[in-house]
Amino acid sequence: MTAALVVKNLTVSVDDKQILHGLDLEIPFGEVHAIMGPNGSGKSTLCHVLTGKDGYEVSGSALLEGQEILDLEVDERARAGLLQSFQYPTEVPGIRLNEFMMEAAEERGVSATEAARRIAAEADRFDVTRFLDRSLNDELSGGEKKRSEIFQMAVLEPKVALLDEIDSGLDIDAVKQVAGAVEEMRSPDLGVLIITHYSRILRYMTPDRIHVMIDGRIVDSGGAELAEELEKGGYDSVRDRLGLIKPESVSVPKPADFFTDTPFDI
């Protein structure tokens, strides 16, 4: 069976600075994969490139159910079945969630009758019915916004869902709720990629595969043992085990130094 997403030799640069270095990744249908990595490792860049954000020099391949998407426009990628949940969902005053979902479903080729059925069913499943007549993300907590994003994906039934730091800024109860919503979204017709800094969300769900990204490369892949290693030793433990050289750190003055350093010669 064709995989949901296959990325091959993906190389990405911005202003002559290379960010991704020949990255390979495969996500089968029915599976949830997680990419973990420190700040600046290229995780969000991967999301941006897959969804078609401008400003990158890109080479390589990204196949969505066998279809090359790197040469498609943003809206064409969405219609093909690629959807992203944002790290910081935007509030859109005046656009009700129900109206937004009806139009989005129409763009995906879903009939009005079927869209209304899905919206009612998924709103009940993800406990967002009370938000349907409210402006998009208006006065929602962080956890409610993330749950609403997953509800939207469930209605639109993408082939691949990209969840970019969906646990960012959430308290522990919201993390549990969002993790449960991701597990609820599992489907044999869907591949899910979660991008995160931390292992805490993985305590409340069961990803099929965990990938570690460092310096623009996926350097290791495995199961729950990888998350446990990162929990105990951080990313340096992976670097040490794999013999990866850590980039030279830049010395940053402590706040006190700005007051104790002499600003002129005496």
C-alpha atoms as a PDB file:
ATOM      1  CA  MET A   1       0.000   0.000   0.000  1.00  0.00           C
ATOM      2  CA  THR A   2       1.209   3.529  -0.826  1.00  0.00           C
ATOM      3  CA  ALA A   3       2.343   5.452   2.266  1.00  0.00           C
ATOM      4  CA  ALA A   4       0.513   8.581   3.375  1.00  0.00           C
ATOM      5  CA  LEU A   5       3.680  10.697   3.189  1.00  0.00           C
ATOM      6  CA  VAL A   6       7.131   9.925   1.810  1.00  0.00           C
ATOM      7  CA  VAL A   7       9.870  12.567   1.997  1.00  0.00           C
ATOM      8  CA  LYS A   8      13.082  11.822   0.117  1.00  0.00           C
ATOM      9  CA  ASN A   9      16.389  13.687   0.203  1.00  0.00           C
ATOM     10  CA  LEU A  10      14.700  16.963   1.213  1.00  0.00           C
ATOM     11  CA  THR A  11      17.204  19.819   1.262  1.00  0.00           C
ATOM     12  CA  VAL A  12      16.109  23.315   2.293  1.00  0.00           C
ATOM     13  CA  SER A  13      17.991  26.612   2.429  1.00  0.00           C
ATOM     14  CA  VAL A  14      17.166  30.223   3.306  1.00  0.00           C
ATOM     15  CA  ASP A  15      19.487  33.067   2.286  1.00  0.00           C
ATOM     16  CA  ASP A  16      22.268  30.582   1.478  1.00  0.00           C
ATOM     17  CA  LYS A  17      21.954  28.984   4.915  1.00  0.00           C
ATOM     18  CA  GLN A  18      21.143  25.287   4.708  1.00  0.00           C
ATOM     19  CA  ILE A  19      18.513  24.173   7.247  1.00  0.00           C
ATOM     20  CA  LEU A  20      17.521  20.651   6.159  1.00  0.00           C
ATOM     21  CA  HIS A  21      20.178  18.285   4.867  1.00  0.00           C
ATOM     22  CA  GLY A  22      18.801  15.495   2.675  1.00  0.00           C
ATOM     23  CA  LEU A  23      16.005  14.534   5.062  1.00  0.00           C
ATOM     24  CA  ASP A  24      14.151  11.223   4.578  1.00  0.00           C
ATOM     25  CA  LEU A  25      10.858  10.343   6.273  1.00  0.00           C
ATOM     26  CA  GLU A  26       8.016   7.913   5.655  1.00  0.00           C
ATOM     27  CA  ILE A  27       4.639   7.892   7.433  1.00  0.00           C
ATOM     28  CA  PRO A  28       2.295   4.990   6.591  1.00  0.00           C
ATOM     29  CA  PHE A  29      -1.467   5.375   6.664  1.00  0.00           C
ATOM     30  CA  GLY A  30      -2.926   4.572  10.072  1.00  0.00           C
ATOM     31  CA  GLU A  31       0.187   5.635  12.007  1.00  0.00           C
ATOM     32  CA  VAL A  32       1.090   8.550  14.270  1.00  0.00           C
ATOM     33  CA  HIS A  33       4.729   9.649  14.118  1.00  0.00           C
ATOM     34  CA  ALA A  34       6.458  12.236  16.302  1.00  0.00           C
ATOM     35  CA  ILE A  35       9.496  14.343  15.452  1.00  0.00           C
ATOM     36  CA  MET A  36      11.387  15.682  18.459  1.00  0.00           C
ATOM     37  CA  GLY A  37      14.325  18.040  18.381  1.00  0.00           C
ATOM     38  CA  PRO A  38      15.887  21.085  20.031  1.00  0.00           C
ATOM     39  CA  ASN A  39      15.205  24.663  18.948  1.00  0.00           C
ATOM     40  CA  GLY A  40      16.701  25.413  15.552  1.00  0.00           C
ATOM     41  CA  SER A  41      16.864  21.795  14.444  1.00  0.00           C
ATOM     42  CA  GLY A  42      14.571  22.360  11.442  1.00  0.00           C
ATOM     43  CA  LYS A  43      11.300  20.844  12.666  1.00  0.00           C
ATOM     44  CA  SER A  44       9.062  23.807  11.870  1.00  0.00           C
ATOM     45  CA  THR A  45      10.930  24.407   8.605  1.00  0.00           C
ATOM     46  CA  LEU A  46       9.916  20.899   7.552  1.00  0.00           C
ATOM     47  CA  CYS A  47       6.263  21.815   8.248  1.00  0.00           C
ATOM     48  CA  HIS A  48       6.536  25.113   6.362  1.00  0.00           C
ATOM     49  CA  VAL A  49       8.091  23.490   3.301  1.00  0.00           C
ATOM     50  CA  LEU A  50       5.553  20.663   3.184  1.00  0.00           C
ATOM     51  CA  THR A  51       2.643  23.115   3.321  1.00  0.00           C
ATOM     52  CA  GLY A  52       4.162  25.442   0.709  1.00  0.00           C
ATOM     53  CA  LYS A  53       5.353  28.518   2.584  1.00  0.00           C
ATOM     54  CA  ASP A  54       7.315  30.916   0.374  1.00  0.00           C
ATOM     55  CA  GLY A  55      10.931  31.978   0.868  1.00  0.00           C
ATOM     56  CA  TYR A  56      12.734  28.631   0.840  1.00  0.00           C
ATOM     57  CA  GLU A  57      15.069  27.067  -1.699  1.00  0.00           C
ATOM     58  CA  VAL A  58      13.935  23.453  -1.861  1.00  0.00           C
ATOM     59  CA  SER A  59      15.139  20.301  -3.564  1.00  0.00           C
ATOM     60  CA  GLY A  60      14.140  16.670  -3.116  1.00  0.00           C
ATOM     61  CA  SER A  61      10.712  15.058  -3.089  1.00  0.00           C
ATOM     62  CA  ALA A  62       7.573  14.892  -0.930  1.00  0.00           C
ATOM     63  CA  LEU A  63       4.913  12.406  -2.002  1.00  0.00           C
ATOM     64  CA  LEU A  64       1.374  12.606  -0.609  1.00  0.00           C
ATOM     65  CA  GLU A  65      -0.197   9.211  -1.284  1.00  0.00           C
ATOM     66  CA  GLY A  66       2.207   8.922  -4.214  1.00  0.00           C
ATOM     67  CA  GLN A  67       1.586  12.436  -5.599  1.00  0.00           C
ATOM     68  CA  GLU A  68       4.459  14.933  -5.690  1.00  0.00           C
ATOM     69  CA  ILE A  69       3.373  18.071  -3.802  1.00  0.00           C
ATOM     70  CA  LEU A  70       6.467  20.296  -3.766  1.00  0.00           C
ATOM     71  CA  ASP A  71       5.462  21.796  -7.115  1.00  0.00           C
ATOM     72  CA  LEU A  72       1.872  22.499  -5.991  1.00  0.00           C
ATOM     73  CA  GLU A  73       0.437  25.746  -4.613  1.00  0.00           C
ATOM     74  CA  VAL A  74      -0.644  25.926  -0.964  1.00  0.00           C
ATOM     75  CA  ASP A  75      -4.349  25.500  -1.736  1.00  0.00           C
ATOM     76  CA  GLU A  76      -3.630  22.613  -4.097  1.00  0.00           C
ATOM     77  CA  ARG A  77      -1.741  20.784  -1.352  1.00  0.00           C
ATOM     78  CA  ALA A  78      -4.689  21.269   0.990  1.00  0.00           C
ATOM     79  CA  ARG A  79      -7.143  19.955  -1.593  1.00  0.00           C
ATOM     80  CA  ALA A  80      -4.841  16.971  -2.180  1.00  0.00           C
ATOM     81  CA  GLY A  81      -5.254  16.094   1.513  1.00  0.00           C
ATOM     82  CA  LEU A  82      -2.467  17.840   3.479  1.00  0.00           C
ATOM     83  CA  LEU A  83      -3.577  19.905   6.492  1.00  0.00           C
ATOM     84  CA  GLN A  84      -1.626  21.605   9.260  1.00  0.00           C
ATOM     85  CA  SER A  85      -2.584  22.459  12.822  1.00  0.00           C
ATOM     86  CA  PHE A  86      -0.887  25.686  13.830  1.00  0.00           C
ATOM     87  CA  GLN A  87       1.256  26.298  16.886  1.00  0.00           C
ATOM     88  CA  TYR A  88      -0.676  29.496  17.661  1.00  0.00           C
ATOM     89  CA  PRO A  89      -4.162  29.362  16.067  1.00  0.00           C
ATOM     90  CA  THR A  90      -5.384  32.812  15.054  1.00  0.00           C
ATOM     91  CA  GLU A  91      -8.625  34.388  16.251  1.00  0.00           C
ATOM     92  CA  VAL A  92     -10.825  35.466  13.333  1.00  0.00           C
ATOM     93  CA  PRO A  93     -13.627  37.813  14.503  1.00  0.00           C
ATOM     94  CA  GLY A  94     -16.834  37.690  12.489  1.00  0.00           C
ATOM     95  CA  ILE A  95     -16.262  34.247  10.956  1.00  0.00           C
ATOM     96  CA  ARG A  96     -18.214  31.599  12.845  1.00  0.00           C
ATOM     97  CA  LEU A  97     -16.641  28.188  13.230  1.00  0.00           C
ATOM     98  CA  ASN A  98     -19.649  26.420  11.688  1.00  0.00           C
ATOM     99  CA  GLU A  99     -19.607  28.720   8.633  1.00  0.00           C
ATOM    100  CA  PHE A 100     -15.854  28.314   8.268  1.00  0.00           C
ATOM    101  CA  MET A 101     -16.134  24.537   8.332  1.00  0.00           C
ATOM    102  CA  MET A 102     -18.960  24.464   5.773  1.00  0.00           C
ATOM    103  CA  GLU A 103     -16.860  26.503   3.333  1.00  0.00           C
ATOM    104  CA  ALA A 104     -13.699  24.503   3.999  1.00  0.00           C
ATOM    105  CA  ALA A 105     -15.592  21.255   3.448  1.00  0.00           C
ATOM    106  CA  GLU A 106     -16.962  22.598   0.158  1.00  0.00           C
ATOM    107  CA  GLU A 107     -13.381  23.312  -0.968  1.00  0.00           C
ATOM    108  CA  ARG A 108     -12.540  19.696  -0.146  1.00  0.00           C
ATOM    109  CA  GLY A 109     -15.405  18.560  -2.387  1.00  0.00           C
ATOM    110  CA  VAL A 110     -17.746  17.543   0.448  1.00  0.00           C
ATOM    111  CA  SER A 111     -21.482  18.073  -0.115  1.00  0.00           C
ATOM    112  CA  ALA A 112     -23.354  20.438   2.200  1.00  0.00           C
ATOM    113  CA  THR A 113     -25.432  17.592   3.640  1.00  0.00           C
ATOM    114  CA  GLU A 114     -22.388  15.451   4.360  1.00  0.00           C
ATOM    115  CA  ALA A 115     -20.463  18.439   5.765  1.00  0.00           C
ATOM    116  CA  ALA A 116     -23.281  19.260   8.187  1.00  0.00           C
ATOM    117  CA  ARG A 117     -23.398  15.630   9.306  1.00  0.00           C
ATOM    118  CA  ARG A 118     -19.642  15.508   9.906  1.00  0.00           C
ATOM    119  CA  ILE A 119     -19.609  18.834  11.743  1.00  0.00           C
ATOM    120  CA  ALA A 120     -22.355  17.739  14.152  1.00  0.00           C
ATOM    121  CA  ALA A 121     -20.784  14.338  14.781  1.00  0.00           C
ATOM    122  CA  GLU A 122     -17.198  15.537  15.222  1.00  0.00           C
ATOM    123  CA  ALA A 123     -18.207  18.566  17.303  1.00  0.00           C
ATOM    124  CA  ASP A 124     -19.871  16.179  19.720  1.00  0.00           C
ATOM    125  CA  ARG A 125     -16.881  13.800  19.705  1.00  0.00           C
ATOM    126  CA  PHE A 126     -14.347  16.553  20.416  1.00  0.00           C
ATOM    127  CA  ASP A 127     -16.616  18.600  22.708  1.00  0.00           C
ATOM    128  CA  VAL A 128     -16.646  21.772  20.589  1.00  0.00           C
ATOM    129  CA  THR A 129     -20.395  22.022  19.864  1.00  0.00           C
ATOM    130  CA  ARG A 130     -20.659  25.158  22.010  1.00  0.00           C
ATOM    131  CA  PHE A 131     -18.013  26.845  19.828  1.00  0.00           C
ATOM    132  CA  LEU A 132     -19.805  26.350  16.499  1.00  0.00           C
ATOM    133  CA  ASP A 133     -21.736  29.648  16.637  1.00  0.00           C
ATOM    134  CA  ARG A 134     -18.776  31.562  18.033  1.00  0.00           C
ATOM    135  CA  SER A 135     -16.183  33.420  15.934  1.00  0.00           C
ATOM    136  CA  LEU A 136     -13.232  31.227  15.003  1.00  0.00           C
ATOM    137  CA  ASN A 137     -11.026  30.726  18.095  1.00  0.00           C
ATOM    138  CA  ASP A 138     -12.679  33.703  19.811  1.00  0.00           C
ATOM    139  CA  GLU A 139     -12.102  33.698  23.582  1.00  0.00           C
ATOM    140  CA  LEU A 140     -10.895  30.093  23.601  1.00  0.00           C
ATOM    141  CA  SER A 141      -8.185  28.836  25.916  1.00  0.00           C
ATOM    142  CA  GLY A 142      -5.010  27.362  24.446  1.00  0.00           C
ATOM    143  CA  GLY A 143      -6.243  23.818  24.921  1.00  0.00           C
ATOM    144  CA  GLU A 144      -9.652  24.632  23.431  1.00  0.00           C
ATOM    145  CA  LYS A 145      -8.019  26.157  20.345  1.00  0.00           C
ATOM    146  CA  LYS A 146      -5.887  23.054  19.805  1.00  0.00           C
ATOM    147  CA  ARG A 147      -8.885  20.769  20.291  1.00  0.00           C
ATOM    148  CA  SER A 148     -10.845  22.862  17.791  1.00  0.00           C
ATOM    149  CA  GLU A 149      -8.014  22.440  15.267  1.00  0.00           C
ATOM    150  CA  ILE A 150      -8.192  18.668  15.625  1.00  0.00           C
ATOM    151  CA  PHE A 151     -11.986  18.821  15.264  1.00  0.00           C
ATOM    152  CA  GLN A 152     -11.508  20.732  12.003  1.00  0.00           C
ATOM    153  CA  MET A 153      -9.136  18.090  10.691  1.00  0.00           C
ATOM    154  CA  ALA A 154     -11.537  15.305  11.634  1.00  0.00           C
ATOM    155  CA  VAL A 155     -14.294  17.003   9.630  1.00  0.00           C
ATOM    156  CA  LEU A 156     -12.088  17.585   6.569  1.00  0.00           C
ATOM    157  CA  GLU A 157     -10.588  14.066   6.649  1.00  0.00           C
ATOM    158  CA  PRO A 158      -7.088  14.827   5.339  1.00  0.00           C
ATOM    159  CA  LYS A 159      -4.670  12.142   4.200  1.00  0.00           C
ATOM    160  CA  VAL A 160      -1.822  13.675   6.221  1.00  0.00           C
ATOM    161  CA  ALA A 161      -2.159  15.868   9.336  1.00  0.00           C
ATOM    162  CA  LEU A 162       0.805  17.972  10.457  1.00  0.00           C
ATOM    163  CA  LEU A 163       0.559  18.993  14.121  1.00  0.00           C
ATOM    164  CA  ASP A 164       3.211  21.654  14.683  1.00  0.00           C
ATOM    165  CA  GLU A 165       3.963  21.909  18.418  1.00  0.00           C
ATOM    166  CA  ILE A 166       0.355  21.235  19.285  1.00  0.00           C
ATOM    167  CA  ASP A 167       1.352  21.015  22.969  1.00  0.00           C
ATOM    168  CA  SER A 168       3.008  24.442  22.986  1.00  0.00           C
ATOM    169  CA  GLY A 169       1.878  26.721  25.818  1.00  0.00           C
ATOM    170  CA  LEU A 170      -0.563  24.215  27.329  1.00  0.00           C
ATOM    171  CA  ASP A 171      -0.903  23.235  30.975  1.00  0.00           C
ATOM    172  CA  ILE A 172      -0.821  19.572  31.912  1.00  0.00           C
ATOM    173  CA  ASP A 173      -4.594  19.082  31.807  1.00  0.00           C
ATOM    174  CA  ALA A 174      -4.811  20.623  28.326  1.00  0.00           C
ATOM    175  CA  VAL A 175      -1.912  18.450  27.138  1.00  0.00           C
ATOM    176  CA  LYS A 176      -3.819  15.354  28.272  1.00  0.00           C
ATOM    177  CA  GLN A 177      -6.963  16.527  26.470  1.00  0.00           C
ATOM    178  CA  VAL A 178      -5.107  17.275  23.236  1.00  0.00           C
ATOM    179  CA  ALA A 179      -3.226  13.971  23.354  1.00  0.00           C
ATOM    180  CA  GLY A 180      -6.527  12.164  23.786  1.00  0.00           C
ATOM    181  CA  ALA A 181      -7.985  14.087  20.832  1.00  0.00           C
ATOM    182  CA  VAL A 182      -5.062  13.062  18.628  1.00  0.00           C
ATOM    183  CA  GLU A 183      -5.612   9.420  19.554  1.00  0.00           C
ATOM    184  CA  GLU A 184      -9.322   9.865  18.796  1.00  0.00           C
ATOM    185  CA  MET A 185      -8.387  11.159  15.345  1.00  0.00           C
ATOM    186  CA  ARG A 186      -6.521   7.968  14.409  1.00  0.00           C
ATOM    187  CA  SER A 187      -7.778   6.402  11.185  1.00  0.00           C
ATOM    188  CA  PRO A 188      -6.524   3.782   8.701  1.00  0.00           C
ATOM    189  CA  ASP A 189      -6.914   6.502   6.041  1.00  0.00           C
ATOM    190  CA  LEU A 190      -4.764   9.090   7.848  1.00  0.00           C
ATOM    191  CA  GLY A 191      -1.088   9.604   8.593  1.00  0.00           C
ATOM    192  CA  VAL A 192      -0.219  11.992  11.455  1.00  0.00           C
ATOM    193  CA  LEU A 193       3.042  13.828  12.100  1.00  0.00           C
ATOM    194  CA  ILE A 194       3.450  15.532  15.482  1.00  0.00           C
ATOM    195  CA  ILE A 195       6.294  18.018  15.902  1.00  0.00           C
ATOM    196  CA  THR A 196       7.314  18.779  19.472  1.00  0.00           C
ATOM    197  CA  HIS A 197      10.192  19.885  21.696  1.00  0.00           C
ATOM    198  CA  TYR A 198       9.137  17.866  24.701  1.00  0.00           C
ATOM    199  CA  SER A 199       8.197  14.294  25.507  1.00  0.00           C
ATOM    200  CA  ARG A 200       5.369  15.175  27.918  1.00  0.00           C
ATOM    201  CA  ILE A 201       2.565  14.862  25.316  1.00  0.00           C
ATOM    202  CA  LEU A 202       3.912  11.421  24.371  1.00  0.00           C
ATOM    203  CA  ARG A 203       3.187  10.203  27.912  1.00  0.00           C
ATOM    204  CA  TYR A 204      -0.539  10.404  27.170  1.00  0.00           C
ATOM    205  CA  MET A 205      -0.571   8.856  23.697  1.00  0.00           C
ATOM    206  CA  THR A 206       1.104   6.041  21.799  1.00  0.00           C
ATOM    207  CA  PRO A 207       2.996   7.185  18.696  1.00  0.00           C
ATOM    208  CA  ASP A 208       3.957   4.381  16.351  1.00  0.00           C
ATOM    209  CA  ARG A 209       7.369   5.908  15.693  1.00  0.00           C
ATOM    210  CA  ILE A 210       9.528   8.642  17.208  1.00  0.00           C
ATOM    211  CA  HIS A 211      12.162  10.476  15.164  1.00  0.00           C
ATOM    212  CA  VAL A 212      14.905  12.675  16.587  1.00  0.00           C
ATOM    213  CA  MET A 213      15.929  15.660  14.453  1.00  0.00           C
ATOM    214  CA  ILE A 214      19.209  17.410  15.146  1.00  0.00           C
ATOM    215  CA  ASP A 215      20.928  19.993  12.941  1.00  0.00           C
ATOM    216  CA  GLY A 216      18.529  19.501  10.040  1.00  0.00           C
ATOM    217  CA  ARG A 217      18.716  15.718   9.905  1.00  0.00           C
ATOM    218  CA  ILE A 218      16.729  12.845  11.352  1.00  0.00           C
ATOM    219  CA  VAL A 219      19.524  11.153  13.256  1.00  0.00           C
ATOM    220  CA  ASP A 220      17.607   8.369  15.004  1.00  0.00           C
ATOM    221  CA  SER A 221      14.207   6.680  14.959  1.00  0.00           C
ATOM    222  CA  GLY A 222      12.605   4.237  17.345  1.00  0.00           C
ATOM    223  CA  GLY A 223       9.884   3.682  19.901  1.00  0.00           C
ATOM    224  CA  ALA A 224       9.081   4.900  23.402  1.00  0.00           C
ATOM    225  CA  GLU A 225      12.662   4.226  24.499  1.00  0.00           C
ATOM    226  CA  LEU A 226      13.813   7.294  22.543  1.00  0.00           C
ATOM    227  CA  ALA A 227      11.427   9.576  24.420  1.00  0.00           C
ATOM    228  CA  GLU A 228      12.625   8.061  27.692  1.00  0.00           C
ATOM    229  CA  GLU A 229      16.268   8.688  26.730  1.00  0.00           C
ATOM    230  CA  LEU A 230      15.504  12.310  25.908  1.00  0.00           C
ATOM    231  CA  GLU A 231      13.586  12.718  29.161  1.00  0.00           C
ATOM    232  CA  LYS A 232      16.591  11.528  31.156  1.00  0.00           C
ATOM    233  CA  GLY A 233      19.550  12.937  29.236  1.00  0.00           C
ATOM    234  CA  GLY A 234      18.242  15.506  26.777  1.00  0.00           C
ATOM    235  CA  TYR A 235      19.437  15.812  23.213  1.00  0.00           C
ATOM    236  CA  ASP A 236      23.080  15.727  24.298  1.00  0.00           C
ATOM    237  CA  SER A 237      22.611  12.090  25.273  1.00  0.00           C
ATOM    238  CA  VAL A 238      21.609  11.278  21.682  1.00  0.00           C
ATOM    239  CA  ARG A 239      24.542  13.287  20.346  1.00  0.00           C
ATOM    240  CA  ASP A 240      26.929  11.422  22.620  1.00  0.00           C
ATOM    241  CA  ARG A 241      25.516   7.987  21.747  1.00  0.00           C
ATOM    242  CA  LEU A 242      25.688   8.659  18.016  1.00  0.00           C
ATOM    243  CA  GLY A 243      29.026  10.463  18.154  1.00  0.00           C
ATOM    244  CA  LEU A 244      27.599  13.721  16.791  1.00  0.00           C
ATOM    245  CA  ILE A 245      29.643  16.867  17.245  1.00  0.00           C
ATOM    246  CA  LYS A 246      27.817  19.620  19.080  1.00  0.00           C
ATOM    247  CA  PRO A 247      28.081  23.035  17.389  1.00  0.00           C
ATOM    248  CA  GLU A 248      30.222  25.519  19.272  1.00  0.00           C
ATOM    249  CA  SER A 249      28.041  27.456  21.662  1.00  0.00           C
ATOM    250  CA  VAL A 250      28.006  31.239  21.524  1.00  0.00           C
ATOM    251  CA  SER A 251      28.930  32.968  24.762  1.00  0.00           C
ATOM    252  CA  VAL A 252      26.030  35.123  25.922  1.00  0.00           C
ATOM    253  CA  PRO A 253      26.687  37.676  28.685  1.00  0.00           C
ATOM    254  CA  LYS A 254      24.791  37.206  31.920  1.00  0.00           C
ATOM    255  CA  PRO A 255      22.378  40.044  32.822  1.00  0.00           C
ATOM    256  CA  ALA A 256      24.759  41.167  35.591  1.00  0.00           C
ATOM    257  CA  ASP A 257      27.596  41.580  33.078  1.00  0.00           C
ATOM    258  CA  PHE A 258      25.822  44.521  31.473  1.00  0.00           C
ATOM    259  CA  PHE A 259      26.153  46.368  34.771  1.00  0.00           C
ATOM    260  CA  THR A 260      29.607  45.196  35.891  1.00  0.00           C
ATOM    261  CA  ASP A 261      31.499  45.449  32.556  1.00  0.00           C
ATOM    262  CA  THR A 262      33.289  48.750  32.151  1.00  0.00           C
ATOM    263  CA  PRO A 263      31.861  50.432  29.032  1.00  0.00           C
ATOM    264  CA  PHE A 264      34.945  52.650  28.450  1.00  0.00           C
ATOM    265  CA  ASP A 265      38.679  52.671  29.051  1.00  0.00           C
ATOM    266  CA  ILE A 266      40.006  54.247  32.205  1.00  0.00           C
END
